[in-house]
Amino acid sequence: MVFATPEALAAYAEPIDVQEGSWLAAWDSNGQRLQFSIVPRAYRGLYGRPRSAEAVSIEASPAPSRNDPAIQELIRPRLEAIGLDPGQLAGAQLIEFAIAHVPTTT
């Protein structure tokens, strides 16, 4: 899946899925790896009563690299599974191809 922003991904991902490892890896459009974590979220419930729940938080890792082989190992088979042929593209070109051809989830 491709999300417009890390915030959109955080809103979509569920804490239980992150805890169980359903989200193996994620990168932003600059090739920077994103780290998932679960954080408490306080809110006001019925009649303004304080409540709490868990939420997904996403932070960028310190070293961006569009040429990270892990990106390519995850992206290429997924593109092929939905009928897209990236050919011999690699690195930044492969990421640009994915961004251009995979519908974005908001």
C-alpha atoms as a PDB file:
ATOM      1  CA  MET A   1       0.000   0.000   0.000  1.00  0.00           C
ATOM      2  CA  VAL A   2       1.099   3.543  -0.609  1.00  0.00           C
ATOM      3  CA  PHE A   3       0.006   6.291   1.772  1.00  0.00           C
ATOM      4  CA  ALA A   4       0.116  10.009   1.066  1.00  0.00           C
ATOM      5  CA  THR A   5       1.841  10.779   4.374  1.00  0.00           C
ATOM      6  CA  PRO A   6       3.270   8.939   7.397  1.00  0.00           C
ATOM      7  CA  GLU A   7       0.338  10.371   9.350  1.00  0.00           C
ATOM      8  CA  ALA A   8      -2.111   8.665   6.964  1.00  0.00           C
ATOM      9  CA  LEU A   9      -0.289   5.380   7.529  1.00  0.00           C
ATOM     10  CA  ALA A  10      -0.407   5.865  11.319  1.00  0.00           C
ATOM     11  CA  ALA A  11      -4.157   6.538  11.125  1.00  0.00           C
ATOM     12  CA  TYR A  12      -4.696   3.387   9.028  1.00  0.00           C
ATOM     13  CA  ALA A  13      -2.468   0.968  10.965  1.00  0.00           C
ATOM     14  CA  GLU A  14      -3.971  -0.657  14.023  1.00  0.00           C
ATOM     15  CA  PRO A  15      -1.968  -1.126  17.227  1.00  0.00           C
ATOM     16  CA  ILE A  16      -2.685  -4.869  17.362  1.00  0.00           C
ATOM     17  CA  ASP A  17      -1.301  -5.310  13.832  1.00  0.00           C
ATOM     18  CA  VAL A  18       1.893  -3.460  14.746  1.00  0.00           C
ATOM     19  CA  GLN A  19       2.278  -5.527  17.921  1.00  0.00           C
ATOM     20  CA  GLU A  20       1.795  -8.790  16.018  1.00  0.00           C
ATOM     21  CA  GLY A  21       4.299  -7.826  13.305  1.00  0.00           C
ATOM     22  CA  SER A  22       1.851  -7.420  10.427  1.00  0.00           C
ATOM     23  CA  TRP A  23       3.679  -4.250   9.375  1.00  0.00           C
ATOM     24  CA  LEU A  24       7.138  -5.576   8.522  1.00  0.00           C
ATOM     25  CA  ALA A  25       8.567  -2.382   7.132  1.00  0.00           C
ATOM     26  CA  ALA A  26       7.658   0.987   5.685  1.00  0.00           C
ATOM     27  CA  TRP A  27       9.510   3.799   3.931  1.00  0.00           C
ATOM     28  CA  ASP A  28       8.581   7.331   3.018  1.00  0.00           C
ATOM     29  CA  SER A  29       8.813   8.685  -0.529  1.00  0.00           C
ATOM     30  CA  ASN A  30      12.407   9.801   0.134  1.00  0.00           C
ATOM     31  CA  GLY A  31      13.473   6.256   0.955  1.00  0.00           C
ATOM     32  CA  GLN A  32      13.707   6.916   4.672  1.00  0.00           C
ATOM     33  CA  ARG A  33      12.748   3.888   6.756  1.00  0.00           C
ATOM     34  CA  LEU A  34       9.828   4.452   9.117  1.00  0.00           C
ATOM     35  CA  GLN A  35       9.707   2.980  12.613  1.00  0.00           C
ATOM     36  CA  PHE A  36       6.397   1.881  14.164  1.00  0.00           C
ATOM     37  CA  SER A  37       5.625   2.202  17.853  1.00  0.00           C
ATOM     38  CA  ILE A  38       2.560   2.040  20.066  1.00  0.00           C
ATOM     39  CA  VAL A  39       1.804   5.037  22.273  1.00  0.00           C
ATOM     40  CA  PRO A  40      -0.963   5.798  24.753  1.00  0.00           C
ATOM     41  CA  ARG A  41      -3.560   8.256  23.525  1.00  0.00           C
ATOM     42  CA  ALA A  42      -5.761  10.162  25.957  1.00  0.00           C
ATOM     43  CA  TYR A  43      -9.132  11.479  24.879  1.00  0.00           C
ATOM     44  CA  ARG A  44     -12.463  12.550  26.305  1.00  0.00           C
ATOM     45  CA  GLY A  45     -15.204   9.965  26.154  1.00  0.00           C
ATOM     46  CA  LEU A  46     -18.899  10.102  26.867  1.00  0.00           C
ATOM     47  CA  TYR A  47     -19.841  13.078  29.062  1.00  0.00           C
ATOM     48  CA  GLY A  48     -16.257  14.362  28.829  1.00  0.00           C
ATOM     49  CA  ARG A  49     -14.831  11.549  30.934  1.00  0.00           C
ATOM     50  CA  PRO A  50     -11.101  10.945  30.438  1.00  0.00           C
ATOM     51  CA  ARG A  51     -10.344   7.776  28.489  1.00  0.00           C
ATOM     52  CA  SER A  52      -7.210   6.222  27.069  1.00  0.00           C
ATOM     53  CA  ALA A  53      -6.385   3.906  24.217  1.00  0.00           C
ATOM     54  CA  GLU A  54      -3.373   2.874  22.177  1.00  0.00           C
ATOM     55  CA  ALA A  55      -2.403   4.535  18.918  1.00  0.00           C
ATOM     56  CA  VAL A  56       0.235   3.904  16.282  1.00  0.00           C
ATOM     57  CA  SER A  57       3.097   6.383  16.082  1.00  0.00           C
ATOM     58  CA  ILE A  58       5.516   6.547  13.175  1.00  0.00           C
ATOM     59  CA  GLU A  59       8.950   8.152  13.201  1.00  0.00           C
ATOM     60  CA  ALA A  60      11.625   8.306  10.524  1.00  0.00           C
ATOM     61  CA  SER A  61      14.879   6.476  11.123  1.00  0.00           C
ATOM     62  CA  PRO A  62      18.045   8.581  10.962  1.00  0.00           C
ATOM     63  CA  ALA A  63      19.596   7.425   7.675  1.00  0.00           C
ATOM     64  CA  PRO A  64      17.559   7.731   4.454  1.00  0.00           C
ATOM     65  CA  SER A  65      18.610   5.685   1.451  1.00  0.00           C
ATOM     66  CA  ARG A  66      16.589   5.077  -1.684  1.00  0.00           C
ATOM     67  CA  ASN A  67      19.156   2.445  -2.665  1.00  0.00           C
ATOM     68  CA  ASP A  68      18.514   0.259   0.392  1.00  0.00           C
ATOM     69  CA  PRO A  69      18.251  -3.327  -0.959  1.00  0.00           C
ATOM     70  CA  ALA A  70      15.516  -4.088   1.588  1.00  0.00           C
ATOM     71  CA  ILE A  71      13.253  -1.561  -0.142  1.00  0.00           C
ATOM     72  CA  GLN A  72      13.746  -3.262  -3.462  1.00  0.00           C
ATOM     73  CA  GLU A  73      13.210  -6.755  -2.009  1.00  0.00           C
ATOM     74  CA  LEU A  74       9.841  -5.661  -0.613  1.00  0.00           C
ATOM     75  CA  ILE A  75       8.638  -3.449  -3.468  1.00  0.00           C
ATOM     76  CA  ARG A  76       9.444  -5.540  -6.554  1.00  0.00           C
ATOM     77  CA  PRO A  77       7.372  -8.664  -5.681  1.00  0.00           C
ATOM     78  CA  ARG A  78       4.440  -6.548  -4.579  1.00  0.00           C
ATOM     79  CA  LEU A  79       4.442  -4.605  -7.846  1.00  0.00           C
ATOM     80  CA  GLU A  80       4.565  -7.855  -9.795  1.00  0.00           C
ATOM     81  CA  ALA A  81       1.731  -9.319  -7.668  1.00  0.00           C
ATOM     82  CA  ILE A  82      -0.602  -6.515  -8.763  1.00  0.00           C
ATOM     83  CA  GLY A  83       0.380  -6.891 -12.405  1.00  0.00           C
ATOM     84  CA  LEU A  84       2.971  -4.112 -12.719  1.00  0.00           C
ATOM     85  CA  ASP A  85       6.308  -4.861 -14.364  1.00  0.00           C
ATOM     86  CA  PRO A  86       9.105  -2.640 -13.052  1.00  0.00           C
ATOM     87  CA  GLY A  87      11.554  -4.247 -15.494  1.00  0.00           C
ATOM     88  CA  GLN A  88      15.181  -3.623 -14.556  1.00  0.00           C
ATOM     89  CA  LEU A  89      14.493  -0.556 -12.428  1.00  0.00           C
ATOM     90  CA  ALA A  90      16.373  -0.345  -9.144  1.00  0.00           C
ATOM     91  CA  GLY A  91      16.947   2.075  -6.295  1.00  0.00           C
ATOM     92  CA  ALA A  92      15.350   5.492  -6.656  1.00  0.00           C
ATOM     93  CA  GLN A  93      13.877   4.631 -10.065  1.00  0.00           C
ATOM     94  CA  LEU A  94      12.043   1.632  -8.606  1.00  0.00           C
ATOM     95  CA  ILE A  95      10.609   3.774  -5.807  1.00  0.00           C
ATOM     96  CA  GLU A  96       9.513   6.467  -8.279  1.00  0.00           C
ATOM     97  CA  PHE A  97       7.840   3.771 -10.418  1.00  0.00           C
ATOM     98  CA  ALA A  98       5.950   2.439  -7.374  1.00  0.00           C
ATOM     99  CA  ILE A  99       4.863   5.929  -6.312  1.00  0.00           C
ATOM    100  CA  ALA A 100       3.647   6.730  -9.827  1.00  0.00           C
ATOM    101  CA  HIS A 101       1.770   3.483 -10.428  1.00  0.00           C
ATOM    102  CA  VAL A 102       0.312   2.354  -7.103  1.00  0.00           C
ATOM    103  CA  PRO A 103      -2.852   4.134  -5.929  1.00  0.00           C
ATOM    104  CA  THR A 104      -2.342   6.219  -2.807  1.00  0.00           C
ATOM    105  CA  THR A 105      -4.387   5.561   0.331  1.00  0.00           C
ATOM    106  CA  THR A 106      -5.337   8.691   2.265  1.00  0.00           C
END
